[in-house]
PDB file of N, CA and C in Angstrom:
ATOM      1  N   MET A   1     203.679 104.102  29.553  1.00  0.00           N
ATOM      2  CA  MET A   1     202.539 104.726  28.944  1.00  0.00           C
ATOM      3  C   MET A   1     201.597 103.632  28.440  1.00  0.00           C
ATOM      4  N   PRO A   2     200.904 102.958  29.339  1.00  0.00           N
ATOM      5  CA  PRO A   2     200.061 101.819  28.960  1.00  0.00           C
ATOM      6  C   PRO A   2     198.668 102.225  28.488  1.00  0.00           C
ATOM      7  N   SER A   3     198.600 103.151  27.561  1.00  0.00           N
ATOM      8  CA  SER A   3     197.313 103.664  27.090  1.00  0.00           C
ATOM      9  C   SER A   3     196.581 102.651  26.213  1.00  0.00           C
ATOM     10  N   GLU A   4     195.260 102.727  26.276  1.00  0.00           N
ATOM     11  CA  GLU A   4     194.429 101.957  25.357  1.00  0.00           C
ATOM     12  C   GLU A   4     194.122 102.774  24.113  1.00  0.00           C
ATOM     13  N   LEU A   5     194.117 104.096  24.254  1.00  0.00           N
ATOM     14  CA  LEU A   5     193.853 105.019  23.148  1.00  0.00           C
ATOM     15  C   LEU A   5     194.806 106.197  23.241  1.00  0.00           C
ATOM     16  N   GLU A   6     195.333 106.628  22.125  1.00  0.00           N
ATOM     17  CA  GLU A   6     196.175 107.827  22.054  1.00  0.00           C
ATOM     18  C   GLU A   6     195.963 108.444  20.688  1.00  0.00           C
ATOM     19  N   SER A   7     195.994 109.757  20.617  1.00  0.00           N
ATOM     20  CA  SER A   7     195.936 110.379  19.304  1.00  0.00           C
ATOM     21  C   SER A   7     197.359 110.541  18.774  1.00  0.00           C
ATOM     22  N   PHE A   8     198.134 111.397  19.401  1.00  0.00           N
ATOM     23  CA  PHE A   8     199.489 111.672  18.935  1.00  0.00           C
ATOM     24  C   PHE A   8     200.552 111.047  19.824  1.00  0.00           C
ATOM     25  N   GLY A   9     200.374 111.082  21.104  1.00  0.00           N
ATOM     26  CA  GLY A   9     201.382 110.543  22.018  1.00  0.00           C
ATOM     27  C   GLY A   9     202.370 111.592  22.489  1.00  0.00           C
ATOM     28  N   LEU A  10     201.866 112.791  22.761  1.00  0.00           N
ATOM     29  CA  LEU A  10     202.723 113.898  23.187  1.00  0.00           C
ATOM     30  C   LEU A  10     203.528 113.550  24.433  1.00  0.00           C
ATOM     31  N   VAL A  11     202.962 112.786  25.336  1.00  0.00           N
ATOM     32  CA  VAL A  11     203.679 112.401  26.560  1.00  0.00           C
ATOM     33  C   VAL A  11     204.941 111.621  26.219  1.00  0.00           C
ATOM     34  N   ALA A  12     204.854 110.710  25.253  1.00  0.00           N
ATOM     35  CA  ALA A  12     206.030 109.940  24.841  1.00  0.00           C
ATOM     36  C   ALA A  12     207.083 110.863  24.224  1.00  0.00           C
ATOM     37  N   LEU A  13     206.657 111.807  23.398  1.00  0.00           N
ATOM     38  CA  LEU A  13     207.592 112.746  22.773  1.00  0.00           C
ATOM     39  C   LEU A  13     208.264 113.633  23.822  1.00  0.00           C
ATOM     40  N   GLU A  14     207.494 114.113  24.783  1.00  0.00           N
ATOM     41  CA  GLU A  14     208.073 114.935  25.854  1.00  0.00           C
ATOM     42  C   GLU A  14     209.058 114.123  26.683  1.00  0.00           C
ATOM     43  N   ALA A  15     208.730 112.869  26.949  1.00  0.00           N
ATOM     44  CA  ALA A  15     209.641 112.004  27.701  1.00  0.00           C
ATOM     45  C   ALA A  15     210.952 111.839  26.940  1.00  0.00           C
ATOM     46  N   MET A  16     210.854 111.556  25.656  1.00  0.00           N
ATOM     47  CA  MET A  16     212.053 111.372  24.840  1.00  0.00           C
ATOM     48  C   MET A  16     212.911 112.635  24.843  1.00  0.00           C
ATOM     49  N   ALA A  17     212.270 113.793  24.741  1.00  0.00           N
ATOM     50  CA  ALA A  17     213.006 115.061  24.741  1.00  0.00           C
ATOM     51  C   ALA A  17     213.757 115.265  26.052  1.00  0.00           C
ATOM     52  N   CYS A  18     213.253 114.663  27.128  1.00  0.00           N
ATOM     53  CA  CYS A  18     213.890 114.786  28.446  1.00  0.00           C
ATOM     54  C   CYS A  18     214.837 113.624  28.755  1.00  0.00           C
ATOM     55  N   GLY A  19     215.039 112.736  27.793  1.00  0.00           N
ATOM     56  CA  GLY A  19     215.945 111.615  28.011  1.00  0.00           C
ATOM     57  C   GLY A  19     215.325 110.443  28.747  1.00  0.00           C
ATOM     58  N   VAL A  20     214.001 110.372  28.756  1.00  0.00           N
ATOM     59  CA  VAL A  20     213.306 109.253  29.387  1.00  0.00           C
ATOM     60  C   VAL A  20     212.848 108.310  28.276  1.00  0.00           C
ATOM     61  N   VAL A  21     213.213 107.057  28.385  1.00  0.00           N
ATOM     62  CA  VAL A  21     212.873 106.068  27.363  1.00  0.00           C
ATOM     63  C   VAL A  21     211.417 105.647  27.547  1.00  0.00           C
ATOM     64  N   PRO A  22     210.571 105.862  26.544  1.00  0.00           N
ATOM     65  CA  PRO A  22     209.172 105.471  26.696  1.00  0.00           C
ATOM     66  C   PRO A  22     208.961 103.970  26.526  1.00  0.00           C
ATOM     67  N   VAL A  23     208.139 103.425  27.385  1.00  0.00           N
ATOM     68  CA  VAL A  23     207.632 102.065  27.242  1.00  0.00           C
ATOM     69  C   VAL A  23     206.132 102.271  27.086  1.00  0.00           C
ATOM     70  N   ALA A  24     205.652 102.062  25.880  1.00  0.00           N
ATOM     71  CA  ALA A  24     204.287 102.449  25.552  1.00  0.00           C
ATOM     72  C   ALA A  24     203.552 101.324  24.846  1.00  0.00           C
ATOM     73  N   THR A  25     202.257 101.529  24.683  1.00  0.00           N
ATOM     74  CA  THR A  25     201.456 100.604  23.895  1.00  0.00           C
ATOM     75  C   THR A  25     201.423 101.081  22.454  1.00  0.00           C
ATOM     76  N   ARG A  26     201.260 100.139  21.557  1.00  0.00           N
ATOM     77  CA  ARG A  26     201.247 100.420  20.123  1.00  0.00           C
ATOM     78  C   ARG A  26     199.843 100.859  19.723  1.00  0.00           C
ATOM     79  N   VAL A  27     199.524 102.127  20.016  1.00  0.00           N
ATOM     80  CA  VAL A  27     198.209 102.680  19.685  1.00  0.00           C
ATOM     81  C   VAL A  27     198.365 104.082  19.118  1.00  0.00           C
ATOM     82  N   GLY A  28     197.404 104.490  18.316  1.00  0.00           N
ATOM     83  CA  GLY A  28     197.384 105.843  17.780  1.00  0.00           C
ATOM     84  C   GLY A  28     198.681 106.221  17.095  1.00  0.00           C
ATOM     85  N   GLY A  29     199.100 107.455  17.338  1.00  0.00           N
ATOM     86  CA  GLY A  29     200.301 107.974  16.708  1.00  0.00           C
ATOM     87  C   GLY A  29     201.585 107.629  17.430  1.00  0.00           C
ATOM     88  N   VAL A  30     201.505 106.885  18.505  1.00  0.00           N
ATOM     89  CA  VAL A  30     202.706 106.570  19.287  1.00  0.00           C
ATOM     90  C   VAL A  30     203.740 105.830  18.438  1.00  0.00           C
ATOM     91  N   ALA A  31     203.283 104.942  17.576  1.00  0.00           N
ATOM     92  CA  ALA A  31     204.211 104.179  16.736  1.00  0.00           C
ATOM     93  C   ALA A  31     204.928 105.065  15.718  1.00  0.00           C
ATOM     94  N   GLU A  32     204.388 106.252  15.451  1.00  0.00           N
ATOM     95  CA  GLU A  32     205.082 107.194  14.568  1.00  0.00           C
ATOM     96  C   GLU A  32     206.198 107.920  15.303  1.00  0.00           C
ATOM     97  N   LEU A  33     206.121 107.959  16.623  1.00  0.00           N
ATOM     98  CA  LEU A  33     207.119 108.650  17.441  1.00  0.00           C
ATOM     99  C   LEU A  33     208.234 107.721  17.895  1.00  0.00           C
ATOM    100  N   VAL A  34     207.858 106.556  18.335  1.00  0.00           N
ATOM    101  CA  VAL A  34     208.788 105.611  18.963  1.00  0.00           C
ATOM    102  C   VAL A  34     209.187 104.532  17.960  1.00  0.00           C
ATOM    103  N   THR A  35     210.484 104.341  17.800  1.00  0.00           N
ATOM    104  CA  THR A  35     210.992 103.244  16.991  1.00  0.00           C
ATOM    105  C   THR A  35     211.339 102.119  17.958  1.00  0.00           C
ATOM    106  N   HIS A  36     210.536 101.058  17.927  1.00  0.00           N
ATOM    107  CA  HIS A  36     210.656  99.956  18.883  1.00  0.00           C
ATOM    108  C   HIS A  36     212.084  99.397  18.914  1.00  0.00           C
ATOM    109  N   GLY A  37     212.644  99.363  20.115  1.00  0.00           N
ATOM    110  CA  GLY A  37     213.979  98.807  20.308  1.00  0.00           C
ATOM    111  C   GLY A  37     215.104  99.778  20.039  1.00  0.00           C
ATOM    112  N   GLU A  38     214.792 100.938  19.482  1.00  0.00           N
ATOM    113  CA  GLU A  38     215.822 101.932  19.186  1.00  0.00           C
ATOM    114  C   GLU A  38     215.775 103.101  20.166  1.00  0.00           C
ATOM    115  N   ASP A  39     214.611 103.706  20.322  1.00  0.00           N
ATOM    116  CA  ASP A  39     214.488 104.848  21.229  1.00  0.00           C
ATOM    117  C   ASP A  39     213.341 104.671  22.219  1.00  0.00           C
ATOM    118  N   GLY A  40     212.807 103.480  22.272  1.00  0.00           N
ATOM    119  CA  GLY A  40     211.715 103.160  23.184  1.00  0.00           C
ATOM    120  C   GLY A  40     211.187 101.772  22.871  1.00  0.00           C
ATOM    121  N   TYR A  41     210.134 101.413  23.572  1.00  0.00           N
ATOM    122  CA  TYR A  41     209.524 100.107  23.348  1.00  0.00           C
ATOM    123  C   TYR A  41     208.033 100.271  23.137  1.00  0.00           C
ATOM    124  N   LEU A  42     207.484  99.461  22.248  1.00  0.00           N
ATOM    125  CA  LEU A  42     206.051  99.429  21.977  1.00  0.00           C
ATOM    126  C   LEU A  42     205.557  98.012  22.217  1.00  0.00           C
ATOM    127  N   GLU A  43     204.543  97.890  23.038  1.00  0.00           N
ATOM    128  CA  GLU A  43     203.969  96.579  23.338  1.00  0.00           C
ATOM    129  C   GLU A  43     202.471  96.624  23.075  1.00  0.00           C
ATOM    130  N   ALA A  44     201.873  95.472  23.021  1.00  0.00           N
ATOM    131  CA  ALA A  44     200.438  95.374  22.784  1.00  0.00           C
ATOM    132  C   ALA A  44     199.658  95.915  23.981  1.00  0.00           C
ATOM    133  N   VAL A  45     198.495  96.455  23.678  1.00  0.00           N
ATOM    134  CA  VAL A  45     197.609  96.931  24.745  1.00  0.00           C
ATOM    135  C   VAL A  45     197.310  95.765  25.689  1.00  0.00           C
ATOM    136  N   GLY A  46     197.459  96.013  26.974  1.00  0.00           N
ATOM    137  CA  GLY A  46     197.147  95.008  27.976  1.00  0.00           C
ATOM    138  C   GLY A  46     198.274  94.047  28.309  1.00  0.00           C
ATOM    139  N   ASP A  47     199.374  94.106  27.587  1.00  0.00           N
ATOM    140  CA  ASP A  47     200.484  93.188  27.859  1.00  0.00           C
ATOM    141  C   ASP A  47     201.389  93.790  28.940  1.00  0.00           C
ATOM    142  N   ILE A  48     200.894  93.773  30.142  1.00  0.00           N
ATOM    143  CA  ILE A  48     201.589  94.374  31.283  1.00  0.00           C
ATOM    144  C   ILE A  48     202.902  93.652  31.569  1.00  0.00           C
ATOM    145  N   ALA A  49     202.936  92.344  31.396  1.00  0.00           N
ATOM    146  CA  ALA A  49     204.169  91.585  31.648  1.00  0.00           C
ATOM    147  C   ALA A  49     205.292  92.035  30.710  1.00  0.00           C
ATOM    148  N   ALA A  50     204.978  92.232  29.443  1.00  0.00           N
ATOM    149  CA  ALA A  50     206.000  92.681  28.489  1.00  0.00           C
ATOM    150  C   ALA A  50     206.457  94.094  28.820  1.00  0.00           C
ATOM    151  N   GLN A  51     205.527  94.964  29.177  1.00  0.00           N
ATOM    152  CA  GLN A  51     205.895  96.333  29.531  1.00  0.00           C
ATOM    153  C   GLN A  51     206.778  96.351  30.775  1.00  0.00           C
ATOM    154  N   ALA A  52     206.424  95.558  31.766  1.00  0.00           N
ATOM    155  CA  ALA A  52     207.214  95.488  32.994  1.00  0.00           C
ATOM    156  C   ALA A  52     208.611  94.946  32.707  1.00  0.00           C
ATOM    157  N   ALA A  53     208.715  93.969  31.827  1.00  0.00           N
ATOM    158  CA  ALA A  53     210.027  93.408  31.476  1.00  0.00           C
ATOM    159  C   ALA A  53     210.894  94.461  30.797  1.00  0.00           C
ATOM    160  N   ARG A  54     210.297  95.294  29.948  1.00  0.00           N
ATOM    161  CA  ARG A  54     211.051  96.370  29.276  1.00  0.00           C
ATOM    162  C   ARG A  54     211.554  97.388  30.296  1.00  0.00           C
ATOM    163  N   VAL A  55     210.699  97.764  31.236  1.00  0.00           N
ATOM    164  CA  VAL A  55     211.105  98.722  32.268  1.00  0.00           C
ATOM    165  C   VAL A  55     212.227  98.124  33.113  1.00  0.00           C
ATOM    166  N   ALA A  56     212.096  96.865  33.491  1.00  0.00           N
ATOM    167  CA  ALA A  56     213.137  96.208  34.290  1.00  0.00           C
ATOM    168  C   ALA A  56     214.462  96.171  33.529  1.00  0.00           C
ATOM    169  N   ALA A  57     214.410  95.894  32.236  1.00  0.00           N
ATOM    170  CA  ALA A  57     215.637  95.866  31.436  1.00  0.00           C
ATOM    171  C   ALA A  57     216.300  97.238  31.417  1.00  0.00           C
ATOM    172  N   LEU A  58     215.517  98.278  31.273  1.00  0.00           N
ATOM    173  CA  LEU A  58     216.070  99.636  31.258  1.00  0.00           C
ATOM    174  C   LEU A  58     216.666 100.019  32.610  1.00  0.00           C
ATOM    175  N   LEU A  59     216.042  99.563  33.681  1.00  0.00           N
ATOM    176  CA  LEU A  59     216.525  99.900  35.022  1.00  0.00           C
ATOM    177  C   LEU A  59     217.768  99.116  35.431  1.00  0.00           C
ATOM    178  N   THR A  60     218.004  97.996  34.788  1.00  0.00           N
ATOM    179  CA  THR A  60     219.134  97.158  35.176  1.00  0.00           C
ATOM    180  C   THR A  60     220.295  97.183  34.184  1.00  0.00           C
ATOM    181  N   ASP A  61     220.113  97.844  33.059  1.00  0.00           N
ATOM    182  CA  ASP A  61     221.163  97.902  32.039  1.00  0.00           C
ATOM    183  C   ASP A  61     221.437  99.365  31.697  1.00  0.00           C
ATOM    184  N   ASP A  62     222.447  99.937  32.359  1.00  0.00           N
ATOM    185  CA  ASP A  62     222.755 101.354  32.166  1.00  0.00           C
ATOM    186  C   ASP A  62     223.126 101.681  30.722  1.00  0.00           C
ATOM    187  N   ASP A  63     223.844 100.788  30.064  1.00  0.00           N
ATOM    188  CA  ASP A  63     224.236 101.034  28.672  1.00  0.00           C
ATOM    189  C   ASP A  63     223.014 101.080  27.757  1.00  0.00           C
ATOM    190  N   LEU A  64     222.100 100.142  27.941  1.00  0.00           N
ATOM    191  CA  LEU A  64     220.865 100.117  27.155  1.00  0.00           C
ATOM    192  C   LEU A  64     220.067 101.392  27.383  1.00  0.00           C
ATOM    193  N   GLN A  65     219.910 101.765  28.641  1.00  0.00           N
ATOM    194  CA  GLN A  65     219.136 102.960  28.963  1.00  0.00           C
ATOM    195  C   GLN A  65     219.784 104.199  28.359  1.00  0.00           C
ATOM    196  N   TYR A  66     221.087 104.318  28.476  1.00  0.00           N
ATOM    197  CA  TYR A  66     221.800 105.482  27.941  1.00  0.00           C
ATOM    198  C   TYR A  66     221.666 105.554  26.422  1.00  0.00           C
ATOM    199  N   ARG A  67     221.884 104.430  25.760  1.00  0.00           N
ATOM    200  CA  ARG A  67     221.826 104.384  24.293  1.00  0.00           C
ATOM    201  C   ARG A  67     220.425 104.749  23.785  1.00  0.00           C
ATOM    202  N   MET A  68     219.402 104.206  24.424  1.00  0.00           N
ATOM    203  CA  MET A  68     218.037 104.483  23.982  1.00  0.00           C
ATOM    204  C   MET A  68     217.611 105.904  24.332  1.00  0.00           C
ATOM    205  N   ALA A  69     218.035 106.389  25.484  1.00  0.00           N
ATOM    206  CA  ALA A  69     217.707 107.766  25.867  1.00  0.00           C
ATOM    207  C   ALA A  69     218.346 108.760  24.905  1.00  0.00           C
ATOM    208  N   LYS A  70     219.591 108.495  24.527  1.00  0.00           N
ATOM    209  CA  LYS A  70     220.294 109.369  23.590  1.00  0.00           C
ATOM    210  C   LYS A  70     219.587 109.368  22.232  1.00  0.00           C
ATOM    211  N   ALA A  71     219.194 108.204  21.764  1.00  0.00           N
ATOM    212  CA  ALA A  71     218.471 108.099  20.489  1.00  0.00           C
ATOM    213  C   ALA A  71     217.133 108.832  20.570  1.00  0.00           C
ATOM    214  N   GLY A  72     216.461 108.706  21.700  1.00  0.00           N
ATOM    215  CA  GLY A  72     215.175 109.376  21.869  1.00  0.00           C
ATOM    216  C   GLY A  72     215.302 110.887  21.884  1.00  0.00           C
ATOM    217  N   ARG A  73     216.325 111.391  22.556  1.00  0.00           N
ATOM    218  CA  ARG A  73     216.537 112.850  22.578  1.00  0.00           C
ATOM    219  C   ARG A  73     216.826 113.363  21.175  1.00  0.00           C
ATOM    220  N   TRP A  74     217.656 112.633  20.433  1.00  0.00           N
ATOM    221  CA  TRP A  74     217.951 113.042  19.063  1.00  0.00           C
ATOM    222  C   TRP A  74     216.680 113.029  18.223  1.00  0.00           C
ATOM    223  N   ASN A  75     215.925 111.946  18.338  1.00  0.00           N
ATOM    224  CA  ASN A  75     214.689 111.787  17.579  1.00  0.00           C
ATOM    225  C   ASN A  75     213.724 112.937  17.864  1.00  0.00           C
ATOM    226  N   ALA A  76     213.534 113.250  19.129  1.00  0.00           N
ATOM    227  CA  ALA A  76     212.609 114.323  19.506  1.00  0.00           C
ATOM    228  C   ALA A  76     213.096 115.682  19.017  1.00  0.00           C
ATOM    229  N   SER A  77     214.396 115.926  19.140  1.00  0.00           N
ATOM    230  CA  SER A  77     214.907 117.253  18.779  1.00  0.00           C
ATOM    231  C   SER A  77     215.072 117.442  17.281  1.00  0.00           C
ATOM    232  N   GLU A  78     215.313 116.375  16.539  1.00  0.00           N
ATOM    233  CA  GLU A  78     215.517 116.502  15.093  1.00  0.00           C
ATOM    234  C   GLU A  78     214.245 116.289  14.277  1.00  0.00           C
ATOM    235  N   ARG A  79     213.521 115.241  14.572  1.00  0.00           N
ATOM    236  CA  ARG A  79     212.335 114.929  13.765  1.00  0.00           C
ATOM    237  C   ARG A  79     211.139 115.785  14.114  1.00  0.00           C
ATOM    238  N   PHE A  80     211.058 116.244  15.358  1.00  0.00           N
ATOM    239  CA  PHE A  80     209.856 116.949  15.801  1.00  0.00           C
ATOM    240  C   PHE A  80     210.136 118.355  16.313  1.00  0.00           C
ATOM    241  N   CYS A  81     211.261 118.953  15.895  1.00  0.00           N
ATOM    242  CA  CYS A  81     211.584 120.312  16.320  1.00  0.00           C
ATOM    243  C   CYS A  81     210.656 121.304  15.612  1.00  0.00           C
ATOM    244  N   THR A  82     210.472 122.459  16.200  1.00  0.00           N
ATOM    245  CA  THR A  82     209.549 123.447  15.627  1.00  0.00           C
ATOM    246  C   THR A  82     210.000 123.918  14.255  1.00  0.00           C
ATOM    247  N   ASP A  83     211.305 123.979  14.015  1.00  0.00           N
ATOM    248  CA  ASP A  83     211.794 124.404  12.700  1.00  0.00           C
ATOM    249  C   ASP A  83     211.366 123.440  11.592  1.00  0.00           C
ATOM    250  N   ARG A  84     211.129 122.220  11.943  1.00  0.00           N
ATOM    251  CA  ARG A  84     210.726 121.210  10.962  1.00  0.00           C
ATOM    252  C   ARG A  84     209.201 121.063  10.903  1.00  0.00           C
ATOM    253  N   ILE A  85     208.539 121.140  12.040  1.00  0.00           N
ATOM    254  CA  ILE A  85     207.099 120.871  12.101  1.00  0.00           C
ATOM    255  C   ILE A  85     206.255 122.068  11.656  1.00  0.00           C
ATOM    256  N   ILE A  86     206.592 123.260  12.102  1.00  0.00           N
ATOM    257  CA  ILE A  86     205.768 124.435  11.777  1.00  0.00           C
ATOM    258  C   ILE A  86     205.657 124.657  10.267  1.00  0.00           C
ATOM    259  N   PRO A  87     206.737 124.565   9.485  1.00  0.00           N
ATOM    260  CA  PRO A  87     206.570 124.716   8.033  1.00  0.00           C
ATOM    261  C   PRO A  87     205.636 123.664   7.416  1.00  0.00           C
ATOM    262  N   GLN A  88     205.606 122.485   7.974  1.00  0.00           N
ATOM    263  CA  GLN A  88     204.689 121.459   7.463  1.00  0.00           C
ATOM    264  C   GLN A  88     203.239 121.858   7.718  1.00  0.00           C
ATOM    265  N   TYR A  89     202.976 122.390   8.914  1.00  0.00           N
ATOM    266  CA  TYR A  89     201.626 122.874   9.214  1.00  0.00           C
ATOM    267  C   TYR A  89     201.252 124.036   8.300  1.00  0.00           C
ATOM    268  N   GLU A  90     202.179 124.967   8.118  1.00  0.00           N
ATOM    269  CA  GLU A  90     201.904 126.122   7.262  1.00  0.00           C
ATOM    270  C   GLU A  90     201.578 125.687   5.843  1.00  0.00           C
ATOM    271  N   LYS A  91     202.343 124.751   5.305  1.00  0.00           N
ATOM    272  CA  LYS A  91     202.077 124.263   3.958  1.00  0.00           C
ATOM    273  C   LYS A  91     200.722 123.586   3.875  1.00  0.00           C
ATOM    274  N   TYR A  92     200.413 122.799   4.883  1.00  0.00           N
ATOM    275  CA  TYR A  92     199.125 122.116   4.906  1.00  0.00           C
ATOM    276  C   TYR A  92     197.978 123.126   4.905  1.00  0.00           C
ATOM    277  N   TYR A  93     198.081 124.151   5.759  1.00  0.00           N
ATOM    278  CA  TYR A  93     197.029 125.161   5.825  1.00  0.00           C
ATOM    279  C   TYR A  93     196.926 125.934   4.511  1.00  0.00           C
ATOM    280  N   GLU A  94     198.056 126.235   3.890  1.00  0.00           N
ATOM    281  CA  GLU A  94     198.039 126.918   2.597  1.00  0.00           C
ATOM    282  C   GLU A  94     197.362 126.061   1.536  1.00  0.00           C
ATOM    283  N   ASP A  95     197.660 124.767   1.545  1.00  0.00           N
ATOM    284  CA  ASP A  95     197.027 123.855   0.580  1.00  0.00           C
ATOM    285  C   ASP A  95     195.527 123.778   0.783  1.00  0.00           C
ATOM    286  N   VAL A  96     195.094 123.739   2.037  1.00  0.00           N
ATOM    287  CA  VAL A  96     193.671 123.623   2.340  1.00  0.00           C
ATOM    288  C   VAL A  96     192.942 124.918   1.977  1.00  0.00           C
ATOM    289  N   VAL A  97     193.515 126.046   2.349  1.00  0.00           N
ATOM    290  CA  VAL A  97     192.877 127.339   2.089  1.00  0.00           C
ATOM    291  C   VAL A  97     192.958 127.709   0.600  1.00  0.00           C
ATOM    292  N   GLY A  98     194.106 127.377  -0.010  1.00  0.00           N
ATOM    293  CA  GLY A  98     194.323 127.748  -1.417  1.00  0.00           C
ATOM    294  C   GLY A  98     193.553 126.851  -2.321  1.00  0.00           C
TER     295      GLY A  98
END
């Protein structure tokens, strides 16, 4: 996900939910989703060599890929599940309207 601009990074979250380890740029809300080195990788915008090295490491190290994919699935399902997110939105809207 070598984006120059991102708001939330839904693609990274969807990838994590599917067990795909994101290799992304550190822009927008992506850094709030991905914990570098734990459930994905974040590199500087334009650093294609670093991004390629991360992808190569994931493709050649099954244990690394499995461990990070598992962490990403947990992260996506626990931190960003609808049971957790929707009440936060509801509270925010109540605060704004009230």
